[in-house]
Amino acid sequence: MLFRSVEAGYDAQKTGVVTVNGNVDLAVNGTGVVANGYNAEVNINGGGTITTNKDATKQHYALVATNGKINMNMNDAKDGAGTSQVNIKGNLSVNDSAADSNDYAKDSIINLGLSTKESTLDGVIIKDFAADKLANGYKAEVNLYLSNGATWNNSVYGQTSLDFAGSEVEKLVGGSDEAHRGVILQNDENKLTVNNYSGNTLIIYDHTGDGSKAEDYAAGDTIIKQAEKGSAITLSTSNNGINMKDSASIEATLNALAGKLTYEGAIGGVANNLTGKVQIASGLTASSAAQKIGDMKFDATTGQGVYESADYNNVVDFSQTITGNKDKDLEYVFSGVRQEDGTYLFEKNSNINIVDKDKSAIDVEKDVVINAEGSILNLTTKNIGIQQNVNKLANITADQLNIKVDTQGRGEGIHVVGTQGKTEMNITGNTNVNVHGVGYTLGAYATGDATINFNGNVKIGRAHV
């Protein structure tokens, strides 16, 4: 069947209904399917192809419901997808252009089922409804059932309004498991919002550079407000520009990718219904081979995703300086040492070995609170063990803190300077400092308005205090 357009409209209090028990194929220089006013309804009990003119100068939609309902490739109960192939090129919209006080019907709903590998949607999902109407009982929903390899390319197709702020899906239902999941290509610069999520979905992001920074991802974040228990989602990017032989580069990319997903249900620890994963694949398609997969957790304060290294809470050897700056201390973020409140928790005897002769094991830039109670913390450097030159919090607790410095020049175990206001460092636990240098060595050095407080026994070798 070939249609130029399909519309169910209204006449006073009467409802218009169009039902097609088969496929619908539309190629239009305008809007494809419209359900317009007084609970008008269009039921396409099959699949088909709907193509709008991408080069049109006015806003048009593949599907639009305004105080009406559209069901395409849905089961009889309208709570799951049918089995037909669907291919849509055009934006979807639920809007209030036909909403008025005389309309007894207040539902603007699109239910769309994409359930075959060949099924596609190219376009954004637009919810354009005034807040006061929503507050007065109007309902505006696009419910998408995406499974079995079907793909939604979330990218603007043709024209949208100037105030378009991103796709919004009321209900996104993915596949029954990973083998039957649907795919979203997140290509829109705006955020993608999902109010209610269930099932299993793969979301693919492209990146520039090595993908290790948030700004490497041009597409907007994905926001999931609520998820049903047992839901799962995987964020994927290609290996383009990434040194796959360098574990630090890989983990930095996975962490930046994880940050593109926010699960609001995790805020405050209220819900833990969503399992998140991140992966680097050989390309940007659903069939691209996964080369590195990792788990993510969600920040209890913001809900933002964070990559969780496979070595979480098992790493005991570190090679990066602790600064208190989350963006710099990625090794401690990935390993789970840096906690959500910004503190550093060492639950096992641990070593920080710095080979760069110009860096310290701890260099306080922002507040640094280290909790190694019950554990031994060994710091080995070729410069200064611990240094603090700013007026920030610096508290270190350990059963045993061992500082070893071996340098060919001036060496210092602990260096605290108070030139930017009062600077104070507190060390709780027994402390051993061993410094070997040439010309000038110091075990613990405080100058200006600076204080070092040792709450425990202190042993310093091969240096003068």
Protein backbone atom coordinates (compact mmCIF):
# COMPACT_ATOMS: atom_id res chain seq x y z
CA MET A 1 0.00 0.00 0.00
CA LEU A 2 1.36 3.44 -0.86
CA PHE A 3 0.04 6.53 0.93
CA ARG A 4 1.03 10.15 0.66
CA SER A 5 -0.16 10.68 4.27
CA VAL A 6 -2.38 9.11 6.93
CA GLU A 7 -4.44 11.21 9.34
CA ALA A 8 -7.06 10.41 11.92
CA GLY A 9 -8.86 13.62 12.87
CA TYR A 10 -12.03 14.64 14.67
CA ASP A 11 -15.46 16.10 14.21
CA ALA A 12 -16.77 17.80 17.35
CA GLN A 13 -16.90 15.06 20.01
CA LYS A 14 -16.45 12.20 17.55
CA THR A 15 -13.25 10.24 17.27
CA GLY A 16 -11.51 9.40 13.99
CA VAL A 17 -9.81 6.01 13.71
CA VAL A 18 -7.62 4.62 10.93
CA THR A 19 -6.59 0.95 11.15
CA VAL A 20 -4.30 -0.81 8.71
CA ASN A 21 -3.91 -4.56 9.10
CA GLY A 22 -0.74 -4.69 7.04
CA ASN A 23 2.26 -2.61 6.10
CA VAL A 24 2.23 1.11 5.36
CA ASP A 25 4.73 2.71 2.96
CA LEU A 26 4.87 6.50 2.82
CA ALA A 27 7.20 8.87 1.00
CA VAL A 28 6.04 12.41 1.73
CA ASN A 29 7.11 16.00 1.36
CA GLY A 30 5.34 16.72 4.64
CA THR A 31 4.19 14.76 7.68
CA GLY A 32 3.63 11.03 7.44
CA VAL A 33 1.11 9.84 10.06
CA VAL A 34 -1.02 12.15 12.23
CA ALA A 35 -3.41 11.50 15.11
CA ASN A 36 -5.07 14.86 15.59
CA GLY A 37 -7.51 15.71 18.39
CA TYR A 38 -10.37 14.17 20.35
CA ASN A 39 -8.59 10.88 20.93
CA ALA A 40 -8.04 10.26 17.23
CA GLU A 41 -6.23 6.98 16.68
CA VAL A 42 -4.06 5.39 14.00
CA ASN A 43 -3.26 1.68 14.28
CA ILE A 44 -0.71 0.20 11.90
CA ASN A 45 -0.83 -3.50 12.71
CA GLY A 46 2.24 -4.26 10.66
CA GLY A 47 5.40 -2.50 9.59
CA GLY A 48 6.49 -0.60 6.54
CA THR A 49 8.59 2.38 5.51
CA ILE A 50 7.90 6.02 6.31
CA THR A 51 10.23 8.58 4.73
CA THR A 52 9.92 12.33 5.11
CA ASN A 53 11.81 15.01 3.17
CA LYS A 54 15.02 15.69 5.09
CA ASP A 55 15.64 18.85 3.07
CA ALA A 56 12.24 20.44 3.78
CA THR A 57 12.36 24.02 5.06
CA LYS A 58 9.46 23.48 7.48
CA GLN A 59 8.97 21.12 10.42
CA HIS A 60 7.48 17.79 9.45
CA TYR A 61 7.26 14.49 11.26
CA ALA A 62 7.17 10.83 10.39
CA LEU A 63 4.70 10.30 13.26
CA VAL A 64 2.93 13.01 15.26
CA ALA A 65 0.25 12.67 17.95
CA THR A 66 -1.57 15.71 19.30
CA ASN A 67 -4.43 14.64 21.57
CA GLY A 68 -4.47 11.33 19.77
CA LYS A 69 -2.69 7.97 19.63
CA ILE A 70 -0.51 6.17 17.11
CA ASN A 71 0.35 2.50 17.45
CA MET A 72 2.80 1.07 14.93
CA ASN A 73 3.96 -2.55 14.94
CA MET A 74 2.60 -3.20 18.43
CA ASN A 75 1.07 -6.35 19.89
CA ASP A 76 -2.63 -6.55 20.66
CA ALA A 77 -2.16 -5.38 24.25
CA LYS A 78 -0.05 -2.42 23.09
CA ASP A 79 2.61 -3.29 25.68
CA GLY A 80 5.18 -4.90 23.39
CA ALA A 81 6.43 -4.82 19.81
CA GLY A 82 5.01 -6.78 16.92
CA THR A 83 7.19 -8.79 14.56
CA SER A 84 7.19 -6.68 11.38
CA GLN A 85 10.08 -4.73 9.89
CA VAL A 86 9.81 -0.97 10.34
CA ASN A 87 12.01 1.69 8.75
CA ILE A 88 11.36 5.33 9.59
CA LYS A 89 13.24 8.38 8.38
CA GLY A 90 11.85 11.39 10.16
CA ASN A 91 11.32 12.85 13.61
CA LEU A 92 8.59 11.74 16.02
CA SER A 93 6.54 14.26 17.98
CA VAL A 94 3.90 14.51 20.69
CA ASN A 95 2.74 18.11 20.96
CA ASP A 96 -0.11 20.27 22.21
CA SER A 97 -1.06 22.00 18.95
CA ALA A 98 -4.56 20.45 19.14
CA ALA A 99 -4.88 20.53 22.92
CA ASP A 100 -7.65 22.82 24.17
CA SER A 101 -10.06 22.99 27.10
CA ASN A 102 -12.94 21.62 25.01
CA ASP A 103 -11.11 18.41 24.16
CA TYR A 104 -12.25 15.57 26.41
CA ALA A 105 -9.21 13.49 25.36
CA LYS A 106 -5.94 14.46 26.94
CA ASP A 107 -3.58 11.73 25.76
CA SER A 108 -0.96 12.32 23.07
CA ILE A 109 0.78 8.97 22.75
CA ILE A 110 2.99 7.17 20.23
CA ASN A 111 3.78 3.49 20.72
CA LEU A 112 6.43 2.23 18.29
CA GLY A 113 7.82 -1.29 18.06
CA LEU A 114 11.21 -1.92 16.46
CA SER A 115 11.89 -5.60 16.91
CA THR A 116 13.83 -6.94 13.92
CA LYS A 117 17.50 -6.55 13.07
CA GLU A 118 16.62 -4.64 9.91
CA SER A 119 14.27 -2.19 11.66
CA THR A 120 15.49 1.41 11.98
CA LEU A 121 14.46 4.84 13.21
CA ASP A 122 16.43 7.84 11.95
CA GLY A 123 15.29 10.94 13.79
CA VAL A 124 14.75 12.52 17.19
CA ILE A 125 11.82 12.17 19.57
CA ILE A 126 10.23 15.51 20.40
CA LYS A 127 8.01 16.23 23.39
CA ASP A 128 6.62 19.71 22.83
CA PHE A 129 3.97 20.23 25.49
CA ALA A 130 3.36 23.24 27.71
CA ALA A 131 4.07 22.59 31.38
CA ASP A 132 0.71 23.96 32.50
CA LYS A 133 -1.13 21.48 30.28
CA LEU A 134 0.89 18.58 31.65
CA ALA A 135 0.08 19.82 35.15
CA ASN A 136 -3.63 19.79 34.24
CA GLY A 137 -3.73 16.13 33.35
CA TYR A 138 -2.56 16.06 29.75
CA LYS A 139 -0.29 13.16 28.87
CA ALA A 140 2.48 13.32 26.25
CA GLU A 141 4.39 10.08 25.72
CA VAL A 142 6.52 8.33 23.15
CA ASN A 143 7.07 4.71 24.14
CA LEU A 144 9.76 2.87 22.18
CA TYR A 145 10.16 -0.91 22.17
CA LEU A 146 13.66 -1.58 20.82
CA SER A 147 15.06 -5.11 20.60
CA ASN A 148 16.69 -7.85 18.53
CA GLY A 149 19.33 -5.59 16.98
CA ALA A 150 16.91 -2.90 15.79
CA THR A 151 18.62 0.51 15.62
CA TRP A 152 17.57 4.01 16.58
CA ASN A 153 19.86 6.70 15.17
CA ASN A 154 19.11 9.58 17.53
CA SER A 155 19.95 12.43 15.17
CA VAL A 156 17.86 15.35 13.93
CA TYR A 157 16.20 14.51 10.61
CA GLY A 158 15.18 17.70 8.85
CA GLN A 159 13.91 20.67 10.84
CA THR A 160 13.15 21.08 14.55
CA SER A 161 12.12 24.07 16.62
CA LEU A 162 14.83 26.41 17.86
CA ASP A 163 14.13 25.42 21.46
CA PHE A 164 14.55 21.67 20.87
CA ALA A 165 16.61 20.43 23.82
CA GLY A 166 16.92 16.73 23.12
CA SER A 167 14.94 13.55 22.64
CA GLU A 168 12.65 12.45 25.47
CA VAL A 169 11.30 8.90 25.68
CA GLU A 170 8.65 8.14 28.28
CA LYS A 171 9.25 4.40 28.21
CA LEU A 172 12.20 2.65 26.58
CA VAL A 173 11.95 -1.14 26.60
CA GLY A 174 15.08 -2.92 25.41
CA GLY A 175 15.73 -6.56 24.63
CA SER A 176 15.16 -9.49 26.97
CA ASP A 177 18.92 -9.98 27.35
CA GLU A 178 22.23 -8.93 25.78
CA ALA A 179 21.76 -11.25 22.80
CA HIS A 180 18.39 -9.64 22.01
CA ARG A 181 19.15 -6.02 22.89
CA GLY A 182 18.38 -3.00 20.75
CA VAL A 183 20.88 -0.37 19.63
CA ILE A 184 20.93 3.42 19.98
CA LEU A 185 23.39 5.52 18.00
CA GLN A 186 23.61 8.64 20.16
CA ASN A 187 24.49 11.27 17.55
CA ASP A 188 22.49 14.28 18.75
CA GLU A 189 24.37 17.07 20.51
CA ASN A 190 21.56 17.35 23.05
CA LYS A 191 20.95 15.00 25.95
CA LEU A 192 18.78 11.92 25.53
CA THR A 193 16.27 11.54 28.38
CA VAL A 194 14.55 8.26 29.26
CA ASN A 195 11.95 8.57 31.99
CA ASN A 196 11.37 4.84 32.49
CA TYR A 197 13.74 2.12 31.30
CA SER A 198 13.75 -1.66 31.24
CA GLY A 199 15.45 -4.45 29.35
CA ASN A 200 18.87 -4.43 27.69
CA THR A 201 20.25 -1.81 25.28
CA LEU A 202 23.56 -0.93 23.59
CA ILE A 203 24.26 2.82 23.21
CA ILE A 204 27.07 3.76 20.82
CA TYR A 205 29.03 7.03 21.09
CA ASP A 206 31.60 8.37 18.64
CA HIS A 207 34.59 10.32 19.94
CA THR A 208 37.46 12.50 18.80
CA GLY A 209 41.02 12.31 20.08
CA ASP A 210 41.56 9.31 22.35
CA GLY A 211 38.15 9.58 24.01
CA SER A 212 39.68 10.12 27.44
CA LYS A 213 38.01 13.50 28.11
CA ALA A 214 34.37 14.53 28.30
CA GLU A 215 34.89 17.07 25.53
CA ASP A 216 35.94 14.26 23.17
CA TYR A 217 32.27 13.28 22.92
CA ALA A 218 30.15 15.66 20.85
CA ALA A 219 26.86 13.84 21.51
CA GLY A 220 24.85 14.67 24.59
CA ASP A 221 24.60 12.63 27.77
CA THR A 222 22.08 9.86 28.27
CA ILE A 223 19.82 10.40 31.30
CA ILE A 224 17.84 7.50 32.75
CA LYS A 225 15.48 8.65 35.47
CA GLN A 226 14.05 5.31 36.63
CA ALA A 227 14.83 1.71 35.73
CA GLU A 228 13.07 -1.56 36.41
CA LYS A 229 14.91 -4.17 38.45
CA GLY A 230 17.23 -6.28 36.32
CA SER A 231 17.74 -3.63 33.64
CA ALA A 232 21.09 -3.41 31.86
CA ILE A 233 22.78 -0.95 29.54
CA THR A 234 26.15 -0.86 27.75
CA LEU A 235 27.89 2.25 26.42
CA SER A 236 30.32 1.60 23.57
CA THR A 237 32.85 3.58 21.56
CA SER A 238 35.36 2.62 18.89
CA ASN A 239 39.09 2.07 19.40
CA ASN A 240 39.88 4.99 17.09
CA GLY A 241 42.77 7.05 18.52
CA ILE A 242 43.16 4.86 21.63
CA ASN A 243 46.44 3.16 22.51
CA MET A 244 45.03 -0.30 23.19
CA LYS A 245 48.40 -1.44 24.57
CA ASP A 246 48.35 1.14 27.36
CA SER A 247 46.10 0.24 30.29
CA ALA A 248 46.02 3.82 31.62
CA SER A 249 44.78 5.13 28.25
CA ILE A 250 42.13 2.43 28.06
CA GLU A 251 40.86 3.11 31.57
CA ALA A 252 40.78 6.87 31.01
CA THR A 253 38.62 6.34 27.92
CA LEU A 254 36.28 3.94 29.70
CA ASN A 255 35.86 6.39 32.56
CA ALA A 256 35.06 9.31 30.24
CA LEU A 257 32.57 7.12 28.38
CA ALA A 258 30.92 6.02 31.64
CA GLY A 259 30.43 9.70 32.49
CA LYS A 260 28.07 10.05 29.51
CA LEU A 261 25.40 8.08 31.41
CA THR A 262 23.47 9.33 34.42
CA TYR A 263 21.08 7.10 36.36
CA GLU A 264 19.02 9.35 38.61
CA GLY A 265 17.56 6.38 40.46
CA ALA A 266 20.96 5.83 42.09
CA ILE A 267 21.03 9.28 43.71
CA GLY A 268 20.97 8.91 47.47
CA GLY A 269 21.26 5.14 47.09
CA VAL A 270 17.51 4.96 46.51
CA ALA A 271 17.57 2.34 43.74
CA ASN A 272 20.07 -0.11 42.34
CA ASN A 273 18.06 -1.56 39.46
CA LEU A 274 20.42 -0.73 36.59
CA THR A 275 23.60 -2.62 35.67
CA GLY A 276 25.95 -0.53 33.57
CA LYS A 277 28.90 -1.53 31.41
CA VAL A 278 31.30 0.34 29.14
CA GLN A 279 33.26 -1.07 26.24
CA ILE A 280 35.79 -0.19 23.56
CA ALA A 281 34.98 -1.97 20.32
CA SER A 282 36.60 -2.32 16.93
CA GLY A 283 34.07 0.06 15.36
CA LEU A 284 30.80 1.97 15.77
CA THR A 285 28.30 -0.74 14.88
CA ALA A 286 26.43 -3.27 16.98
CA SER A 287 28.43 -6.09 15.33
CA SER A 288 31.83 -4.51 16.14
CA ALA A 289 33.92 -6.81 18.31
CA ALA A 290 34.34 -5.72 21.92
CA GLN A 291 38.02 -5.34 22.76
CA LYS A 292 37.74 -4.12 26.35
CA ILE A 293 34.70 -4.29 28.63
CA GLY A 294 34.37 -2.87 32.13
CA ASP A 295 31.72 -2.35 34.78
CA MET A 296 30.44 1.00 35.92
CA LYS A 297 28.95 2.23 39.16
CA PHE A 298 26.82 5.32 39.69
CA ASP A 299 27.75 8.25 41.91
CA ALA A 300 25.31 8.39 44.82
CA THR A 301 25.33 12.20 44.75
CA THR A 302 24.96 12.90 41.02
CA GLY A 303 23.97 9.55 39.52
CA GLN A 304 26.77 9.90 36.95
CA GLY A 305 28.47 6.74 35.74
CA VAL A 306 32.03 5.95 36.83
CA TYR A 307 34.19 3.19 35.38
CA GLU A 308 34.96 0.49 37.92
CA SER A 309 38.23 -1.26 37.19
CA ALA A 310 38.32 -5.04 37.20
CA ASP A 311 41.03 -4.62 39.85
CA TYR A 312 38.65 -2.69 42.11
CA ASN A 313 39.85 -2.85 45.73
CA ASN A 314 42.60 -5.33 44.78
CA VAL A 315 45.30 -2.93 43.59
CA VAL A 316 48.16 -2.49 46.05
CA ASP A 317 50.80 -0.95 43.77
CA PHE A 318 50.32 2.57 42.43
CA SER A 319 52.44 4.82 40.23
CA GLN A 320 50.57 8.16 40.24
CA THR A 321 50.80 11.11 42.59
CA ILE A 322 47.87 11.76 44.91
CA THR A 323 46.82 15.41 44.50
CA GLY A 324 43.23 15.54 45.76
CA ASN A 325 42.16 16.46 42.21
CA LYS A 326 39.78 13.78 40.88
CA ASP A 327 40.60 14.59 37.25
CA LYS A 328 44.29 13.93 37.86
CA ASP A 329 44.07 11.04 40.31
CA LEU A 330 42.47 8.65 37.82
CA GLU A 331 44.46 5.62 38.94
CA TYR A 332 42.89 5.96 42.38
CA VAL A 333 39.43 6.58 40.90
CA PHE A 334 39.61 3.49 38.68
CA SER A 335 40.93 1.26 41.47
CA GLY A 336 38.19 2.33 43.89
CA VAL A 337 40.62 3.92 46.35
CA ARG A 338 39.17 7.39 45.82
CA GLN A 339 35.71 7.37 47.37
CA GLU A 340 32.64 9.31 46.29
CA ASP A 341 33.20 11.82 49.12
CA GLY A 342 36.73 12.55 47.82
CA THR A 343 38.63 10.61 50.49
CA TYR A 344 41.25 7.95 49.70
CA LEU A 345 40.67 4.55 51.30
CA PHE A 346 43.50 2.00 51.39
CA GLU A 347 42.13 -1.26 52.78
CA LYS A 348 45.31 -3.25 52.14
CA ASN A 349 49.03 -2.63 52.58
CA SER A 350 49.84 -0.45 49.57
CA ASN A 351 52.80 1.03 47.71
CA ILE A 352 53.03 4.32 45.84
CA ASN A 353 56.19 4.27 43.74
CA ILE A 354 56.95 7.44 41.75
CA VAL A 355 59.72 7.11 39.16
CA ASP A 356 59.50 10.68 37.80
CA LYS A 357 62.28 12.55 39.61
CA ASP A 358 60.23 15.76 39.60
CA LYS A 359 57.14 14.36 41.29
CA SER A 360 56.11 13.44 44.83
CA ALA A 361 54.01 10.57 46.07
CA ILE A 362 51.56 13.06 47.59
CA ASP A 363 51.38 16.65 46.31
CA VAL A 364 48.44 18.47 47.90
CA GLU A 365 46.52 20.60 45.37
CA LYS A 366 43.02 20.10 46.77
CA ASP A 367 41.88 18.55 50.06
CA VAL A 368 43.63 15.24 50.66
CA VAL A 369 42.23 12.89 53.28
CA ILE A 370 43.87 9.45 53.31
CA ASN A 371 42.50 6.62 55.41
CA ALA A 372 44.86 3.63 55.58
CA GLU A 373 43.90 2.67 59.11
CA GLY A 374 44.87 -0.95 59.70
CA SER A 375 47.25 -0.87 56.74
CA ILE A 376 50.83 0.07 55.88
CA LEU A 377 51.33 2.80 53.28
CA ASN A 378 54.75 2.88 51.58
CA LEU A 379 55.78 5.99 49.61
CA THR A 380 58.88 5.80 47.40
CA THR A 381 60.12 8.76 45.33
CA LYS A 382 63.21 10.37 43.77
CA ASN A 383 62.35 13.88 44.95
CA ILE A 384 60.02 14.62 47.88
CA GLY A 385 57.83 12.08 49.64
CA ILE A 386 54.97 14.38 50.61
CA GLN A 387 54.63 18.07 49.81
CA GLN A 388 52.03 20.73 50.55
CA ASN A 389 52.30 24.32 49.30
CA VAL A 390 48.65 25.38 49.53
CA ASN A 391 46.18 26.00 52.32
CA LYS A 392 44.16 22.82 51.84
CA LEU A 393 43.17 19.98 54.13
CA ALA A 394 45.91 17.34 54.45
CA ASN A 395 45.16 14.45 56.81
CA ILE A 396 46.91 11.10 56.55
CA THR A 397 46.02 8.14 58.75
CA ALA A 398 47.88 4.81 58.58
CA ASP A 399 49.03 2.12 60.96
CA GLN A 400 52.46 2.67 59.47
CA LEU A 401 53.55 5.39 57.02
CA ASN A 402 56.92 4.63 55.42
CA ILE A 403 58.54 7.36 53.30
CA LYS A 404 61.64 6.56 51.27
CA VAL A 405 63.40 9.15 49.11
CA ASP A 406 66.48 8.37 47.06
CA THR A 407 67.76 11.21 44.90
CA GLN A 408 70.96 12.58 43.40
CA GLY A 409 70.10 16.08 44.60
CA ARG A 410 68.22 17.68 47.48
CA GLY A 411 65.86 15.21 49.10
CA GLU A 412 62.99 15.75 51.53
CA GLY A 413 60.68 13.31 53.24
CA ILE A 414 57.93 15.83 54.08
CA HIS A 415 57.82 19.42 52.78
CA VAL A 416 55.16 21.89 54.00
CA VAL A 417 55.21 25.60 53.09
CA GLY A 418 52.80 28.22 54.44
CA THR A 419 53.28 31.13 52.06
CA GLN A 420 49.58 31.22 51.01
CA GLY A 421 48.12 31.39 54.49
CA LYS A 422 48.32 28.94 57.34
CA THR A 423 49.14 25.45 56.07
CA GLU A 424 48.72 22.38 58.27
CA MET A 425 49.41 18.69 57.75
CA ASN A 426 48.23 16.01 60.18
CA ILE A 427 49.73 12.51 60.18
CA THR A 428 48.19 9.93 62.48
CA GLY A 429 50.06 6.67 63.03
CA ASN A 430 53.70 5.67 63.26
CA THR A 431 55.92 7.32 60.65
CA ASN A 432 59.29 6.18 59.28
CA VAL A 433 61.22 8.57 57.02
CA ASN A 434 64.37 7.55 55.17
CA VAL A 435 65.98 10.11 52.87
CA HIS A 436 69.16 9.73 50.82
CA GLY A 437 70.31 12.72 48.80
CA VAL A 438 73.32 14.69 47.70
CA GLY A 439 74.20 17.97 49.34
CA TYR A 440 71.06 18.56 51.34
CA THR A 441 68.55 16.17 52.90
CA LEU A 442 65.61 16.84 55.20
CA GLY A 443 63.35 14.38 56.98
CA ALA A 444 60.50 16.80 57.72
CA TYR A 445 60.51 20.47 56.72
CA ALA A 446 57.98 23.18 57.62
CA THR A 447 58.51 26.84 56.75
CA GLY A 448 56.46 30.03 56.74
CA ASP A 449 53.10 29.73 58.47
CA ALA A 450 53.18 25.93 58.30
CA THR A 451 52.65 23.13 60.80
CA ILE A 452 53.22 19.38 60.71
CA ASN A 453 51.44 17.43 63.44
CA PHE A 454 52.59 13.84 64.06
CA ASN A 455 50.15 11.81 66.16
CA GLY A 456 52.31 8.75 66.71
CA ASN A 457 55.94 7.70 66.83
CA VAL A 458 58.35 9.24 64.31
CA LYS A 459 61.61 7.69 63.15
CA ILE A 460 63.85 9.55 60.71
CA GLY A 461 67.04 8.09 59.28
CA ARG A 462 69.90 9.60 57.29
CA ALA A 463 68.57 13.15 57.63
CA HIS A 464 68.34 16.09 59.98
CA VAL A 465 65.03 17.60 61.17
